[in-house]
Amino acid sequence: MSTPPHARATGGDALTLDVPGGGGARYWLTGLNPAAKLLAALAIGIGLIPAVDAVTGGVVLLAVLLTVPFSGVDRRTLLVLGGPFLLMGLSSGAVNYLYGEHGLEGAVGAAVRLLAIALPGLLAAVSSDPTEMSDGLVQKLRVPERPAMGVLAALRLIPLLADQWRTITLARRARGLEAGRNPVRIVTLFFGRLFALLVRSIRTGTLLATAMDARAFGTGRRTHARHSRWRTADTLLLAGTVLLLVGAYALSARLGTLVLLFS
């Protein structure tokens, strides 16, 4: 049985993800084809666009949360990567509560729908090996190789960016750039580190693109060292996703809470 992906600390305590190549009975989500998981996440995202009530999105969000223990993603990793989406959901709910037409119900619906759309994509990315993700995009979804390799590079560089963020923080601290308890200086230093990280990311991306062009990437047809397999479980995942959406809409309509975007 494969071990679950987890966040571990490198020598600089940077966050890295260990994703197994195949899933076992306990972490079956890791064994599914990444292309199937992306299609399921896309179906949920498109399927929830018309529904602005809390029940429809809540049912889908609850079902997705129930799959988290089977994804092998530990709580710390989920909180770190899902924190921005949680903030987006809360801010979206606050804006809809203050300026929307449906009051508290509309605010909760907006927040829940955003989380229900974002979480499946997050789980699909974190529970998949980057190389298998790229293979699935090219071989099963017929995505051109250049953007597929871009996805692979992005997933591989996430731990590097986390390590660079810590290096920038320590370097500025060594120069005496401390915020103390001044909230304005905390924000100023944060955006300064963010800009430095952006510059480093652009440099890294430029070097990577130059290296790929030097190896004649994208100049002709390529063979594949690995075969992306589509199993029965992948088909069942897509069928279950469709049934989940249908069930969520049916339950909301049965309870009389269904509110559509253009109604």
C-alpha atoms as a PDB file:
ATOM      1  CA  MET A   1       0.000   0.000   0.000  1.00  0.00           C
ATOM      2  CA  SER A   2       1.322   3.444  -0.857  1.00  0.00           C
ATOM      3  CA  THR A   3       1.896   6.045   1.793  1.00  0.00           C
ATOM      4  CA  PRO A   4      -0.123   9.247   1.786  1.00  0.00           C
ATOM      5  CA  PRO A   5       1.211  12.527   0.501  1.00  0.00           C
ATOM      6  CA  HIS A   6       2.188  14.769   3.340  1.00  0.00           C
ATOM      7  CA  ALA A   7       3.917  18.030   4.045  1.00  0.00           C
ATOM      8  CA  ARG A   8       7.416  17.563   5.316  1.00  0.00           C
ATOM      9  CA  ALA A   9      10.144  19.999   6.247  1.00  0.00           C
ATOM     10  CA  THR A  10      13.352  20.200   4.278  1.00  0.00           C
ATOM     11  CA  GLY A  11      16.519  21.589   5.736  1.00  0.00           C
ATOM     12  CA  GLY A  12      14.982  25.077   5.621  1.00  0.00           C
ATOM     13  CA  ASP A  13      11.563  23.998   6.896  1.00  0.00           C
ATOM     14  CA  ALA A  14      10.087  24.670   3.462  1.00  0.00           C
ATOM     15  CA  LEU A  15       6.807  23.033   2.650  1.00  0.00           C
ATOM     16  CA  THR A  16       7.113  20.177   0.174  1.00  0.00           C
ATOM     17  CA  LEU A  17       4.563  17.655  -0.951  1.00  0.00           C
ATOM     18  CA  ASP A  18       5.159  13.928  -1.232  1.00  0.00           C
ATOM     19  CA  VAL A  19       2.566  12.408  -3.524  1.00  0.00           C
ATOM     20  CA  PRO A  20       2.557   8.651  -4.069  1.00  0.00           C
ATOM     21  CA  GLY A  21       2.393   7.245  -7.519  1.00  0.00           C
ATOM     22  CA  GLY A  22      -0.640   5.093  -6.830  1.00  0.00           C
ATOM     23  CA  GLY A  23      -3.377   4.932  -4.261  1.00  0.00           C
ATOM     24  CA  GLY A  24      -4.184   2.083  -1.932  1.00  0.00           C
ATOM     25  CA  ALA A  25      -7.444   1.098  -0.305  1.00  0.00           C
ATOM     26  CA  ARG A  26      -7.052   3.847   2.293  1.00  0.00           C
ATOM     27  CA  TYR A  27      -6.002   6.654  -0.039  1.00  0.00           C
ATOM     28  CA  TRP A  28      -7.853   5.626  -3.175  1.00  0.00           C
ATOM     29  CA  LEU A  29      -8.060   9.171  -4.533  1.00  0.00           C
ATOM     30  CA  THR A  30      -4.309   9.208  -5.220  1.00  0.00           C
ATOM     31  CA  GLY A  31      -4.655   6.165  -7.485  1.00  0.00           C
ATOM     32  CA  LEU A  32      -7.138   7.799  -9.854  1.00  0.00           C
ATOM     33  CA  ASN A  33      -6.066   9.297 -13.141  1.00  0.00           C
ATOM     34  CA  PRO A  34      -5.294  13.011 -12.681  1.00  0.00           C
ATOM     35  CA  ALA A  35      -7.220  13.759 -15.866  1.00  0.00           C
ATOM     36  CA  ALA A  36     -10.346  12.219 -14.330  1.00  0.00           C
ATOM     37  CA  LYS A  37      -9.924  14.268 -11.170  1.00  0.00           C
ATOM     38  CA  LEU A  38      -9.507  17.457 -13.182  1.00  0.00           C
ATOM     39  CA  LEU A  39     -12.591  16.671 -15.257  1.00  0.00           C
ATOM     40  CA  ALA A  40     -14.584  16.016 -12.076  1.00  0.00           C
ATOM     41  CA  ALA A  41     -13.403  19.322 -10.583  1.00  0.00           C
ATOM     42  CA  LEU A  42     -14.282  21.135 -13.816  1.00  0.00           C
ATOM     43  CA  ALA A  43     -17.731  19.538 -13.883  1.00  0.00           C
ATOM     44  CA  ILE A  44     -18.400  20.675 -10.319  1.00  0.00           C
ATOM     45  CA  GLY A  45     -17.202  24.184 -11.117  1.00  0.00           C
ATOM     46  CA  ILE A  46     -19.418  24.514 -14.182  1.00  0.00           C
ATOM     47  CA  GLY A  47     -22.334  22.725 -12.559  1.00  0.00           C
ATOM     48  CA  LEU A  48     -22.436  25.051  -9.548  1.00  0.00           C
ATOM     49  CA  ILE A  49     -22.313  28.297 -11.518  1.00  0.00           C
ATOM     50  CA  PRO A  50     -26.134  28.603 -11.894  1.00  0.00           C
ATOM     51  CA  ALA A  51     -26.908  27.830  -8.210  1.00  0.00           C
ATOM     52  CA  VAL A  52     -26.566  30.716  -5.756  1.00  0.00           C
ATOM     53  CA  ASP A  53     -28.320  29.121  -2.786  1.00  0.00           C
ATOM     54  CA  ALA A  54     -26.498  27.606   0.169  1.00  0.00           C
ATOM     55  CA  VAL A  55     -28.052  24.135   0.023  1.00  0.00           C
ATOM     56  CA  THR A  56     -26.872  23.147  -3.461  1.00  0.00           C
ATOM     57  CA  GLY A  57     -23.298  24.257  -2.879  1.00  0.00           C
ATOM     58  CA  GLY A  58     -23.376  22.964   0.692  1.00  0.00           C
ATOM     59  CA  VAL A  59     -24.286  19.437  -0.382  1.00  0.00           C
ATOM     60  CA  VAL A  60     -21.444  19.378  -2.914  1.00  0.00           C
ATOM     61  CA  LEU A  61     -18.989  20.899  -0.433  1.00  0.00           C
ATOM     62  CA  LEU A  62     -19.927  18.320   2.200  1.00  0.00           C
ATOM     63  CA  ALA A  63     -19.405  15.475  -0.263  1.00  0.00           C
ATOM     64  CA  VAL A  64     -16.017  16.840  -1.286  1.00  0.00           C
ATOM     65  CA  LEU A  65     -14.965  17.256   2.354  1.00  0.00           C
ATOM     66  CA  LEU A  66     -15.850  13.611   2.964  1.00  0.00           C
ATOM     67  CA  THR A  67     -13.279  12.609   0.323  1.00  0.00           C
ATOM     68  CA  VAL A  68     -10.453  14.555   1.992  1.00  0.00           C
ATOM     69  CA  PRO A  69      -9.453  11.680   4.356  1.00  0.00           C
ATOM     70  CA  PHE A  70      -9.070   9.441   1.291  1.00  0.00           C
ATOM     71  CA  SER A  71      -6.859  11.899  -0.596  1.00  0.00           C
ATOM     72  CA  GLY A  72      -3.846  11.454   1.674  1.00  0.00           C
ATOM     73  CA  VAL A  73      -3.605  15.241   2.145  1.00  0.00           C
ATOM     74  CA  ASP A  74      -2.792  16.057   5.764  1.00  0.00           C
ATOM     75  CA  ARG A  75      -4.541  18.868   7.605  1.00  0.00           C
ATOM     76  CA  ARG A  76      -1.544  21.216   7.685  1.00  0.00           C
ATOM     77  CA  THR A  77      -1.102  21.050   3.911  1.00  0.00           C
ATOM     78  CA  LEU A  78      -4.820  21.534   3.367  1.00  0.00           C
ATOM     79  CA  LEU A  79      -4.884  24.581   5.641  1.00  0.00           C
ATOM     80  CA  VAL A  80      -1.813  26.150   4.034  1.00  0.00           C
ATOM     81  CA  LEU A  81      -3.006  25.676   0.467  1.00  0.00           C
ATOM     82  CA  GLY A  82      -6.693  26.174   1.182  1.00  0.00           C
ATOM     83  CA  GLY A  83      -6.259  29.262   3.353  1.00  0.00           C
ATOM     84  CA  PRO A  84      -6.436  31.733   0.440  1.00  0.00           C
ATOM     85  CA  PHE A  85      -9.624  30.102  -0.858  1.00  0.00           C
ATOM     86  CA  LEU A  86     -11.155  30.253   2.621  1.00  0.00           C
ATOM     87  CA  LEU A  87     -10.379  33.973   2.792  1.00  0.00           C
ATOM     88  CA  MET A  88     -11.874  34.427  -0.673  1.00  0.00           C
ATOM     89  CA  GLY A  89     -15.030  32.633   0.415  1.00  0.00           C
ATOM     90  CA  LEU A  90     -15.381  34.709   3.575  1.00  0.00           C
ATOM     91  CA  SER A  91     -14.761  37.976   1.731  1.00  0.00           C
ATOM     92  CA  SER A  92     -17.226  37.000  -0.993  1.00  0.00           C
ATOM     93  CA  GLY A  93     -19.833  36.216   1.649  1.00  0.00           C
ATOM     94  CA  ALA A  94     -19.207  39.531   3.417  1.00  0.00           C
ATOM     95  CA  VAL A  95     -19.565  41.521   0.192  1.00  0.00           C
ATOM     96  CA  ASN A  96     -22.789  39.732  -0.719  1.00  0.00           C
ATOM     97  CA  TYR A  97     -24.160  40.283   2.780  1.00  0.00           C
ATOM     98  CA  LEU A  98     -23.439  44.004   2.689  1.00  0.00           C
ATOM     99  CA  TYR A  99     -24.401  44.760  -0.906  1.00  0.00           C
ATOM    100  CA  GLY A 100     -26.335  41.736  -2.175  1.00  0.00           C
ATOM    101  CA  GLU A 101     -30.071  41.356  -2.600  1.00  0.00           C
ATOM    102  CA  HIS A 102     -30.521  38.078  -0.697  1.00  0.00           C
ATOM    103  CA  GLY A 103     -29.128  39.051   2.709  1.00  0.00           C
ATOM    104  CA  LEU A 104     -27.520  36.424   4.934  1.00  0.00           C
ATOM    105  CA  GLU A 105     -28.803  33.510   2.850  1.00  0.00           C
ATOM    106  CA  GLY A 106     -27.199  34.914  -0.290  1.00  0.00           C
ATOM    107  CA  ALA A 107     -23.954  35.610   1.567  1.00  0.00           C
ATOM    108  CA  VAL A 108     -23.705  32.055   2.877  1.00  0.00           C
ATOM    109  CA  GLY A 109     -24.596  30.697  -0.570  1.00  0.00           C
ATOM    110  CA  ALA A 110     -21.851  32.721  -2.255  1.00  0.00           C
ATOM    111  CA  ALA A 111     -19.210  31.636   0.260  1.00  0.00           C
ATOM    112  CA  VAL A 112     -20.203  27.974   0.165  1.00  0.00           C
ATOM    113  CA  ARG A 113     -20.382  27.896  -3.633  1.00  0.00           C
ATOM    114  CA  LEU A 114     -16.895  29.389  -3.987  1.00  0.00           C
ATOM    115  CA  LEU A 115     -15.435  26.829  -1.575  1.00  0.00           C
ATOM    116  CA  ALA A 116     -17.294  23.980  -3.278  1.00  0.00           C
ATOM    117  CA  ILE A 117     -15.822  25.048  -6.630  1.00  0.00           C
ATOM    118  CA  ALA A 118     -12.259  25.610  -5.380  1.00  0.00           C
ATOM    119  CA  LEU A 119     -11.745  22.582  -3.120  1.00  0.00           C
ATOM    120  CA  PRO A 120     -12.115  19.834  -5.793  1.00  0.00           C
ATOM    121  CA  GLY A 121      -9.476  21.488  -7.968  1.00  0.00           C
ATOM    122  CA  LEU A 122      -7.153  21.820  -4.997  1.00  0.00           C
ATOM    123  CA  LEU A 123      -7.572  18.153  -4.087  1.00  0.00           C
ATOM    124  CA  ALA A 124      -7.042  17.112  -7.715  1.00  0.00           C
ATOM    125  CA  ALA A 125      -3.739  18.992  -7.855  1.00  0.00           C
ATOM    126  CA  VAL A 126      -2.360  18.008  -4.435  1.00  0.00           C
ATOM    127  CA  SER A 127      -3.341  14.335  -4.615  1.00  0.00           C
ATOM    128  CA  SER A 128      -1.746  13.841  -8.046  1.00  0.00           C
ATOM    129  CA  ASP A 129       1.861  13.317  -9.011  1.00  0.00           C
ATOM    130  CA  PRO A 130       2.925  16.260 -11.237  1.00  0.00           C
ATOM    131  CA  THR A 131       4.404  13.972 -13.897  1.00  0.00           C
ATOM    132  CA  GLU A 132       1.254  11.848 -14.024  1.00  0.00           C
ATOM    133  CA  MET A 133      -0.790  15.044 -14.172  1.00  0.00           C
ATOM    134  CA  SER A 134       1.142  16.163 -17.249  1.00  0.00           C
ATOM    135  CA  ASP A 135       0.835  12.734 -18.883  1.00  0.00           C
ATOM    136  CA  GLY A 136      -2.907  12.695 -18.269  1.00  0.00           C
ATOM    137  CA  LEU A 137      -3.361  16.171 -19.717  1.00  0.00           C
ATOM    138  CA  VAL A 138      -1.485  15.304 -22.908  1.00  0.00           C
ATOM    139  CA  GLN A 139      -2.625  11.724 -23.484  1.00  0.00           C
ATOM    140  CA  LYS A 140      -6.202  11.761 -22.195  1.00  0.00           C
ATOM    141  CA  LEU A 141      -7.377  15.369 -22.478  1.00  0.00           C
ATOM    142  CA  ARG A 142      -5.324  16.132 -25.617  1.00  0.00           C
ATOM    143  CA  VAL A 143      -3.874  19.295 -24.111  1.00  0.00           C
ATOM    144  CA  PRO A 144      -0.955  20.677 -26.166  1.00  0.00           C
ATOM    145  CA  GLU A 145       2.393  19.703 -24.713  1.00  0.00           C
ATOM    146  CA  ARG A 146       3.648  23.226 -24.016  1.00  0.00           C
ATOM    147  CA  PRO A 147       0.889  24.227 -21.568  1.00  0.00           C
ATOM    148  CA  ALA A 148       0.942  20.706 -20.069  1.00  0.00           C
ATOM    149  CA  MET A 149       4.659  21.043 -19.390  1.00  0.00           C
ATOM    150  CA  GLY A 150       3.925  24.460 -17.914  1.00  0.00           C
ATOM    151  CA  VAL A 151       1.564  22.829 -15.421  1.00  0.00           C
ATOM    152  CA  LEU A 152       4.239  20.250 -14.599  1.00  0.00           C
ATOM    153  CA  ALA A 153       6.854  22.954 -14.053  1.00  0.00           C
ATOM    154  CA  ALA A 154       4.495  25.008 -11.894  1.00  0.00           C
ATOM    155  CA  LEU A 155       3.688  22.071  -9.629  1.00  0.00           C
ATOM    156  CA  ARG A 156       7.359  21.154  -9.341  1.00  0.00           C
ATOM    157  CA  LEU A 157       8.335  24.737  -8.479  1.00  0.00           C
ATOM    158  CA  ILE A 158       5.812  25.217  -5.654  1.00  0.00           C
ATOM    159  CA  PRO A 159       8.189  23.763  -2.993  1.00  0.00           C
ATOM    160  CA  LEU A 160      11.019  25.878  -4.439  1.00  0.00           C
ATOM    161  CA  LEU A 161       8.947  29.046  -4.086  1.00  0.00           C
ATOM    162  CA  ALA A 162       8.181  28.173  -0.464  1.00  0.00           C
ATOM    163  CA  ASP A 163      11.899  27.742   0.201  1.00  0.00           C
ATOM    164  CA  GLN A 164      12.704  31.019  -1.550  1.00  0.00           C
ATOM    165  CA  TRP A 165      10.073  32.824   0.533  1.00  0.00           C
ATOM    166  CA  ARG A 166      11.775  31.662   3.721  1.00  0.00           C
ATOM    167  CA  THR A 167      15.201  32.631   2.360  1.00  0.00           C
ATOM    168  CA  ILE A 168      13.967  36.140   1.535  1.00  0.00           C
ATOM    169  CA  THR A 169      12.440  36.476   5.000  1.00  0.00           C
ATOM    170  CA  LEU A 170      15.639  35.383   6.749  1.00  0.00           C
ATOM    171  CA  ALA A 171      17.800  37.604   4.535  1.00  0.00           C
ATOM    172  CA  ARG A 172      15.735  40.684   5.333  1.00  0.00           C
ATOM    173  CA  ARG A 173      15.724  39.818   9.004  1.00  0.00           C
ATOM    174  CA  ALA A 174      19.523  39.558   8.926  1.00  0.00           C
ATOM    175  CA  ARG A 175      19.626  43.091   7.486  1.00  0.00           C
ATOM    176  CA  GLY A 176      17.577  44.388  10.400  1.00  0.00           C
ATOM    177  CA  LEU A 177      14.306  44.776   8.496  1.00  0.00           C
ATOM    178  CA  GLU A 178      11.922  43.878  11.303  1.00  0.00           C
ATOM    179  CA  ALA A 179       8.340  45.081  11.584  1.00  0.00           C
ATOM    180  CA  GLY A 180       8.008  44.761  15.335  1.00  0.00           C
ATOM    181  CA  ARG A 181       4.432  45.521  16.362  1.00  0.00           C
ATOM    182  CA  ASN A 182       3.844  48.189  13.738  1.00  0.00           C
ATOM    183  CA  PRO A 183       0.937  46.931  11.552  1.00  0.00           C
ATOM    184  CA  VAL A 184       1.722  49.352   8.732  1.00  0.00           C
ATOM    185  CA  ARG A 185       5.339  48.170   8.579  1.00  0.00           C
ATOM    186  CA  ILE A 186       4.192  44.533   8.675  1.00  0.00           C
ATOM    187  CA  VAL A 187       2.098  45.103   5.546  1.00  0.00           C
ATOM    188  CA  THR A 188       4.895  47.079   3.857  1.00  0.00           C
ATOM    189  CA  LEU A 189       7.512  44.400   4.504  1.00  0.00           C
ATOM    190  CA  PHE A 190       5.114  41.658   3.402  1.00  0.00           C
ATOM    191  CA  PHE A 191       4.527  43.246   0.005  1.00  0.00           C
ATOM    192  CA  GLY A 192       8.261  43.887  -0.277  1.00  0.00           C
ATOM    193  CA  ARG A 193       8.959  40.186   0.206  1.00  0.00           C
ATOM    194  CA  LEU A 194       6.149  39.365  -2.204  1.00  0.00           C
ATOM    195  CA  PHE A 195       7.702  41.553  -4.909  1.00  0.00           C
ATOM    196  CA  ALA A 196      11.123  39.951  -4.329  1.00  0.00           C
ATOM    197  CA  LEU A 197       9.539  36.508  -4.687  1.00  0.00           C
ATOM    198  CA  LEU A 198       7.853  37.618  -7.929  1.00  0.00           C
ATOM    199  CA  VAL A 199      11.215  38.726  -9.347  1.00  0.00           C
ATOM    200  CA  ARG A 200      12.818  35.410  -8.416  1.00  0.00           C
ATOM    201  CA  SER A 201       9.891  33.506  -9.941  1.00  0.00           C
ATOM    202  CA  ILE A 202      10.244  35.371 -13.234  1.00  0.00           C
ATOM    203  CA  ARG A 203      13.981  34.642 -13.312  1.00  0.00           C
ATOM    204  CA  THR A 204      13.395  30.955 -12.572  1.00  0.00           C
ATOM    205  CA  GLY A 205      10.701  30.713 -15.231  1.00  0.00           C
ATOM    206  CA  THR A 206      12.919  32.417 -17.800  1.00  0.00           C
ATOM    207  CA  LEU A 207      15.802  30.026 -17.115  1.00  0.00           C
ATOM    208  CA  LEU A 208      13.464  27.038 -17.320  1.00  0.00           C
ATOM    209  CA  ALA A 209      11.961  28.202 -20.623  1.00  0.00           C
ATOM    210  CA  THR A 210      15.443  28.768 -22.070  1.00  0.00           C
ATOM    211  CA  ALA A 211      16.544  25.295 -20.987  1.00  0.00           C
ATOM    212  CA  MET A 212      13.473  23.701 -22.597  1.00  0.00           C
ATOM    213  CA  ASP A 213      14.017  25.589 -25.859  1.00  0.00           C
ATOM    214  CA  ALA A 214      17.696  24.569 -25.845  1.00  0.00           C
ATOM    215  CA  ARG A 215      16.540  20.949 -25.731  1.00  0.00           C
ATOM    216  CA  ALA A 216      14.312  21.521 -28.791  1.00  0.00           C
ATOM    217  CA  PHE A 217      11.126  21.094 -26.815  1.00  0.00           C
ATOM    218  CA  GLY A 218       7.994  21.660 -28.889  1.00  0.00           C
ATOM    219  CA  THR A 219       9.732  21.448 -32.276  1.00  0.00           C
ATOM    220  CA  GLY A 220       8.191  18.152 -33.340  1.00  0.00           C
ATOM    221  CA  ARG A 221       6.277  15.059 -32.294  1.00  0.00           C
ATOM    222  CA  ARG A 222       7.340  13.495 -29.014  1.00  0.00           C
ATOM    223  CA  THR A 223       7.094  10.003 -27.615  1.00  0.00           C
ATOM    224  CA  HIS A 224       5.903   9.238 -24.090  1.00  0.00           C
ATOM    225  CA  ALA A 225       7.929   7.290 -21.560  1.00  0.00           C
ATOM    226  CA  ARG A 226       4.836   6.543 -19.469  1.00  0.00           C
ATOM    227  CA  HIS A 227       1.326   5.510 -20.452  1.00  0.00           C
ATOM    228  CA  SER A 228      -1.544   7.279 -18.720  1.00  0.00           C
ATOM    229  CA  ARG A 229      -4.077   4.590 -17.816  1.00  0.00           C
ATOM    230  CA  TRP A 230      -7.811   5.188 -17.602  1.00  0.00           C
ATOM    231  CA  ARG A 231      -9.494   2.721 -15.247  1.00  0.00           C
ATOM    232  CA  THR A 232     -13.063   1.860 -14.365  1.00  0.00           C
ATOM    233  CA  ALA A 233     -12.684   3.835 -11.138  1.00  0.00           C
ATOM    234  CA  ASP A 234     -12.004   6.977 -13.182  1.00  0.00           C
ATOM    235  CA  THR A 235     -15.250   6.546 -15.097  1.00  0.00           C
ATOM    236  CA  LEU A 236     -17.086   5.922 -11.830  1.00  0.00           C
ATOM    237  CA  LEU A 237     -15.648   9.153 -10.421  1.00  0.00           C
ATOM    238  CA  LEU A 238     -17.097  11.170 -13.293  1.00  0.00           C
ATOM    239  CA  ALA A 239     -20.445   9.372 -13.054  1.00  0.00           C
ATOM    240  CA  GLY A 240     -20.522   9.974  -9.301  1.00  0.00           C
ATOM    241  CA  THR A 241     -19.765  13.659  -9.848  1.00  0.00           C
ATOM    242  CA  VAL A 242     -22.719  14.024 -12.201  1.00  0.00           C
ATOM    243  CA  LEU A 243     -24.996  12.169  -9.781  1.00  0.00           C
ATOM    244  CA  LEU A 244     -23.792  14.395  -6.941  1.00  0.00           C
ATOM    245  CA  LEU A 245     -24.696  17.542  -8.851  1.00  0.00           C
ATOM    246  CA  VAL A 246     -28.086  16.163  -9.851  1.00  0.00           C
ATOM    247  CA  GLY A 247     -28.760  15.101  -6.267  1.00  0.00           C
ATOM    248  CA  ALA A 248     -27.712  18.494  -4.886  1.00  0.00           C
ATOM    249  CA  TYR A 249     -30.045  20.347  -7.242  1.00  0.00           C
ATOM    250  CA  ALA A 250     -32.873  17.877  -6.589  1.00  0.00           C
ATOM    251  CA  LEU A 251     -32.544  18.187  -2.806  1.00  0.00           C
ATOM    252  CA  SER A 252     -32.444  21.964  -2.972  1.00  0.00           C
ATOM    253  CA  ALA A 253     -35.532  22.018  -5.207  1.00  0.00           C
ATOM    254  CA  ARG A 254     -37.308  19.583  -2.889  1.00  0.00           C
ATOM    255  CA  LEU A 255     -36.606  21.816   0.115  1.00  0.00           C
ATOM    256  CA  GLY A 256     -37.696  24.900  -1.794  1.00  0.00           C
ATOM    257  CA  THR A 257     -34.332  26.649  -1.342  1.00  0.00           C
ATOM    258  CA  LEU A 258     -33.098  26.480  -4.942  1.00  0.00           C
ATOM    259  CA  VAL A 259     -32.153  29.910  -6.279  1.00  0.00           C
ATOM    260  CA  LEU A 260     -30.727  30.174  -9.784  1.00  0.00           C
ATOM    261  CA  LEU A 261     -28.369  32.896 -10.939  1.00  0.00           C
ATOM    262  CA  PHE A 262     -30.641  34.284 -13.640  1.00  0.00           C
ATOM    263  CA  SER A 263     -33.977  33.721 -11.935  1.00  0.00           C
END
